[in-house]
Amino acid sequence: MYEQAFPRFAVVGEIDMATAERFRERLEHHVASSDGDVLLDCHELTFIDSCGIKVLIDVAVAASSQGRRLVTTNLQPQCRRTFELTGVEGLLGVT
């Protein structure tokens, strides 16, 4: 359902302190250059730490202020656990 309705942004590899700012730049550019809600496809995301979670929260809040949503899908179990432990599933539209 979401795959065809929203602009898709695929996340590959790890998002940690070393990669978070580059990820932020690319995701913010994607959001700015698209309309409507954004689908964050995490099928190939293998790791995310608090720096990556912070980027997602910041982008989700910015999108929300424009009446848009960040919809996070296809989380692998190890990454889903990080989202659950930090309590951000609702804010980040985890499906």
Protein backbone atom coordinates (compact mmCIF):
# COMPACT_ATOMS: atom_id res chain seq x y z
CA MET A 1 0.00 0.00 0.00
CA TYR A 2 2.60 2.58 1.03
CA GLU A 3 5.04 1.46 -1.65
CA GLN A 4 3.02 3.12 -4.43
CA ALA A 5 1.46 6.01 -2.55
CA PHE A 6 4.53 7.85 -1.22
CA PRO A 7 7.97 8.89 -2.43
CA ARG A 8 10.30 6.07 -1.32
CA PHE A 9 13.68 6.58 0.35
CA ALA A 10 15.69 3.36 0.73
CA VAL A 11 18.09 3.07 3.65
CA VAL A 12 21.07 0.75 3.20
CA GLY A 13 23.70 -0.32 5.73
CA GLU A 14 24.33 1.35 9.07
CA ILE A 15 23.30 4.70 10.51
CA ASP A 16 25.57 5.61 13.39
CA MET A 17 27.64 8.51 14.65
CA ALA A 18 29.96 8.26 11.65
CA THR A 19 27.20 8.29 9.02
CA ALA A 20 24.31 10.18 10.64
CA GLU A 21 25.03 13.66 9.25
CA ARG A 22 25.43 12.42 5.68
CA PHE A 23 22.21 10.44 6.10
CA ARG A 24 20.49 13.58 7.45
CA GLU A 25 21.58 15.60 4.40
CA ARG A 26 20.34 12.99 1.95
CA LEU A 27 17.02 12.40 3.73
CA GLU A 28 16.31 16.13 4.18
CA HIS A 29 17.07 16.69 0.49
CA HIS A 30 14.69 13.85 -0.44
CA VAL A 31 11.92 15.26 1.75
CA ALA A 32 12.45 18.80 0.40
CA SER A 33 12.34 17.61 -3.21
CA SER A 34 9.15 15.55 -2.85
CA ASP A 35 5.54 16.17 -1.93
CA GLY A 36 3.33 14.38 0.56
CA ASP A 37 4.33 11.71 2.99
CA VAL A 38 7.69 9.94 2.69
CA LEU A 39 8.17 6.19 2.87
CA LEU A 40 11.43 5.26 4.59
CA ASP A 41 12.18 1.73 3.38
CA CYS A 42 14.51 0.11 5.93
CA HIS A 43 14.69 -3.34 4.36
CA GLU A 44 18.48 -3.06 3.97
CA LEU A 45 19.15 -1.10 7.19
CA THR A 46 21.40 -3.33 9.30
CA PHE A 47 22.09 -1.07 12.30
CA ILE A 48 20.91 2.22 13.78
CA ASP A 49 22.12 3.95 16.93
CA SER A 50 20.85 6.96 18.86
CA CYS A 51 22.44 9.36 16.36
CA GLY A 52 20.41 7.80 13.57
CA ILE A 53 17.25 7.80 15.67
CA LYS A 54 17.81 11.52 16.37
CA VAL A 55 18.02 12.24 12.64
CA LEU A 56 14.76 10.38 12.03
CA ILE A 57 13.02 12.22 14.87
CA ASP A 58 14.22 15.61 13.58
CA VAL A 59 13.10 14.86 10.03
CA ALA A 60 9.76 13.46 11.20
CA VAL A 61 9.07 16.56 13.31
CA ALA A 62 10.00 18.86 10.41
CA ALA A 63 7.77 16.89 8.04
CA SER A 64 4.93 16.97 10.56
CA SER A 65 5.15 20.76 10.77
CA GLN A 66 4.39 20.76 7.02
CA GLY A 67 1.45 18.38 7.39
CA ARG A 68 3.48 15.42 6.13
CA ARG A 69 4.49 12.09 7.65
CA LEU A 70 7.59 9.97 7.69
CA VAL A 71 6.40 6.35 7.34
CA THR A 72 9.03 3.77 8.34
CA THR A 73 8.63 0.28 6.92
CA ASN A 74 10.45 -3.03 6.46
CA LEU A 75 12.52 -2.78 9.65
CA GLN A 76 14.77 -5.75 10.32
CA PRO A 77 14.34 -7.30 13.81
CA GLN A 78 17.58 -5.87 15.22
CA CYS A 79 16.63 -2.35 14.12
CA ARG A 80 12.99 -2.73 15.16
CA ARG A 81 14.26 -3.52 18.66
CA THR A 82 16.12 -0.19 18.77
CA PHE A 83 12.93 1.63 17.74
CA GLU A 84 10.97 -0.23 20.44
CA LEU A 85 13.53 0.45 23.18
CA THR A 86 13.58 4.17 22.36
CA GLY A 87 9.78 4.36 22.08
CA VAL A 88 9.75 6.14 18.72
CA GLU A 89 7.54 3.76 16.72
CA GLY A 90 4.53 6.09 16.77
CA LEU A 91 6.44 9.23 15.96
CA LEU A 92 8.29 7.54 13.10
CA GLY A 93 5.21 5.84 11.63
CA VAL A 94 6.61 2.33 11.96
CA THR A 95 4.56 -0.20 10.01
